[in-house]
Amino acid sequence: MSPIESGTSRWIAAITLAGCLTAVATLAFWPQPVTVPLTEDAQHILAFGILTVLTRRVWQRASWRRLVFWLFALGVGIEVLQWAFTPRHAEWRDVTADATGIAIALLICQALAAWSPARR
């Protein structure tokens, strides 16, 4: 069975997720941090929050523990690769911000699922 279950919105979420992962991978290895009007922590929280919501939409049947594990592993992996292969440096603060974005997004997903008309 494909990880993308039936439904056009899931396909859209999958394509958007692929685009977001590409953007994250590109920006993670950019020689200089990209300047945007958000703090670095807010950038990490927002990026991993969006990745979490999209991942949750695409793989609805995956357990939240599995999602947290793989998204957290992505955040740690990005920092390790930045430390090893770029002039930029790894920061535990970035990993903490990634984890915060994951947690906030999962709480929002759970709340929306609980209030969804389909569950009533």
Protein backbone atom coordinates (compact mmCIF):
# COMPACT_ATOMS: atom_id res chain seq x y z
CA MET A 1 0.00 0.00 0.00
CA SER A 2 1.29 3.43 -0.90
CA PRO A 3 2.04 5.78 2.00
CA ILE A 4 -0.13 8.32 0.21
CA GLU A 5 -3.67 7.21 0.77
CA SER A 6 -6.47 8.01 -1.64
CA GLY A 7 -7.66 11.56 -2.04
CA THR A 8 -6.56 14.56 -4.01
CA SER A 9 -5.79 16.63 -0.89
CA ARG A 10 -3.29 14.03 0.25
CA TRP A 11 -1.55 14.16 -3.13
CA ILE A 12 -1.39 17.93 -2.86
CA ALA A 13 0.01 17.60 0.66
CA ALA A 14 2.59 15.08 -0.60
CA ILE A 15 3.75 17.35 -3.40
CA THR A 16 3.89 20.32 -1.03
CA LEU A 17 5.83 18.22 1.51
CA ALA A 18 8.36 17.28 -1.18
CA GLY A 19 8.78 20.94 -2.09
CA CYS A 20 9.21 21.95 1.55
CA LEU A 21 11.80 19.22 2.16
CA THR A 22 13.69 20.39 -0.92
CA ALA A 23 13.62 23.98 0.34
CA VAL A 24 14.76 22.95 3.83
CA ALA A 25 17.60 20.86 2.39
CA THR A 26 18.70 23.71 0.12
CA LEU A 27 18.59 26.38 2.82
CA ALA A 28 20.28 24.14 5.38
CA PHE A 29 23.42 23.99 3.25
CA TRP A 30 23.39 27.55 1.93
CA PRO A 31 26.76 29.11 2.79
CA GLN A 32 25.21 32.00 4.74
CA PRO A 33 21.94 31.94 6.68
CA VAL A 34 19.10 33.45 4.68
CA THR A 35 17.87 36.76 6.07
CA VAL A 36 14.11 36.88 6.74
CA PRO A 37 12.11 39.03 9.17
CA LEU A 38 11.88 36.23 11.76
CA THR A 39 14.28 35.13 14.46
CA GLU A 40 16.26 31.99 13.72
CA ASP A 41 14.29 30.08 16.36
CA ALA A 42 10.99 31.20 14.83
CA GLN A 43 12.22 30.05 11.41
CA HIS A 44 12.97 26.57 12.77
CA ILE A 45 9.67 26.36 14.66
CA LEU A 46 7.70 27.44 11.60
CA ALA A 47 9.58 25.17 9.18
CA PHE A 48 9.24 22.05 11.32
CA GLY A 49 5.66 22.91 12.22
CA ILE A 50 4.76 23.02 8.52
CA LEU A 51 6.72 19.82 7.82
CA THR A 52 4.89 18.10 10.69
CA VAL A 53 1.42 19.13 9.52
CA LEU A 54 2.16 18.04 5.94
CA THR A 55 3.74 14.76 7.05
CA ARG A 56 0.76 14.06 9.31
CA ARG A 57 -1.61 14.75 6.39
CA VAL A 58 0.27 12.45 4.02
CA TRP A 59 0.86 9.57 6.46
CA GLN A 60 -2.31 9.69 8.54
CA ARG A 61 -2.02 6.11 9.74
CA ALA A 62 1.53 6.48 11.05
CA SER A 63 1.81 6.74 14.82
CA TRP A 64 2.72 10.12 16.27
CA ARG A 65 5.81 8.53 17.84
CA ARG A 66 7.08 7.47 14.43
CA LEU A 67 6.45 10.96 13.01
CA VAL A 68 8.24 12.61 15.93
CA PHE A 69 11.18 10.23 15.61
CA TRP A 70 11.72 10.79 11.88
CA LEU A 71 11.15 14.55 11.95
CA PHE A 72 13.44 14.94 14.97
CA ALA A 73 16.03 12.76 13.21
CA LEU A 74 15.77 15.09 10.20
CA GLY A 75 16.47 18.13 12.41
CA VAL A 76 19.45 16.47 14.09
CA GLY A 77 20.71 15.19 10.74
CA ILE A 78 20.61 18.66 9.22
CA GLU A 79 22.65 20.07 12.12
CA VAL A 80 25.22 17.25 11.92
CA LEU A 81 25.61 17.72 8.17
CA GLN A 82 25.94 21.50 8.58
CA TRP A 83 28.68 20.94 11.14
CA ALA A 84 30.51 18.45 8.94
CA PHE A 85 30.18 19.90 5.44
CA THR A 86 29.48 23.63 5.46
CA PRO A 87 31.12 26.75 6.86
CA ARG A 88 28.06 27.12 9.07
CA HIS A 89 27.93 25.52 12.51
CA ALA A 90 25.52 23.18 14.28
CA GLU A 91 23.51 24.41 17.24
CA TRP A 92 21.53 22.44 19.81
CA ARG A 93 19.28 25.46 20.04
CA ASP A 94 18.17 24.79 16.45
CA VAL A 95 17.32 21.19 17.32
CA THR A 96 15.31 22.42 20.31
CA ALA A 97 13.41 24.86 18.08
CA ASP A 98 12.76 22.04 15.58
CA ALA A 99 11.35 19.86 18.38
CA THR A 100 9.19 22.76 19.57
CA GLY A 101 7.74 23.19 16.07
CA ILE A 102 7.02 19.46 15.87
CA ALA A 103 5.28 19.46 19.26
CA ILE A 104 3.15 22.54 18.57
CA ALA A 105 2.08 21.21 15.16
CA LEU A 106 1.14 17.79 16.58
CA LEU A 107 -0.93 19.44 19.31
CA ILE A 108 -2.72 21.50 16.68
CA CYS A 109 -3.31 18.40 14.53
CA GLN A 110 -4.71 16.50 17.53
CA ALA A 111 -7.00 19.38 18.48
CA LEU A 112 -8.30 19.73 14.93
CA ALA A 113 -8.87 15.98 14.68
CA ALA A 114 -10.82 16.00 17.96
CA TRP A 115 -13.07 18.84 16.78
CA SER A 116 -13.51 17.52 13.25
CA PRO A 117 -17.14 16.90 12.19
CA ALA A 118 -16.10 13.49 10.81
CA ARG A 119 -15.40 12.24 14.33
CA ARG A 120 -18.89 13.09 15.63
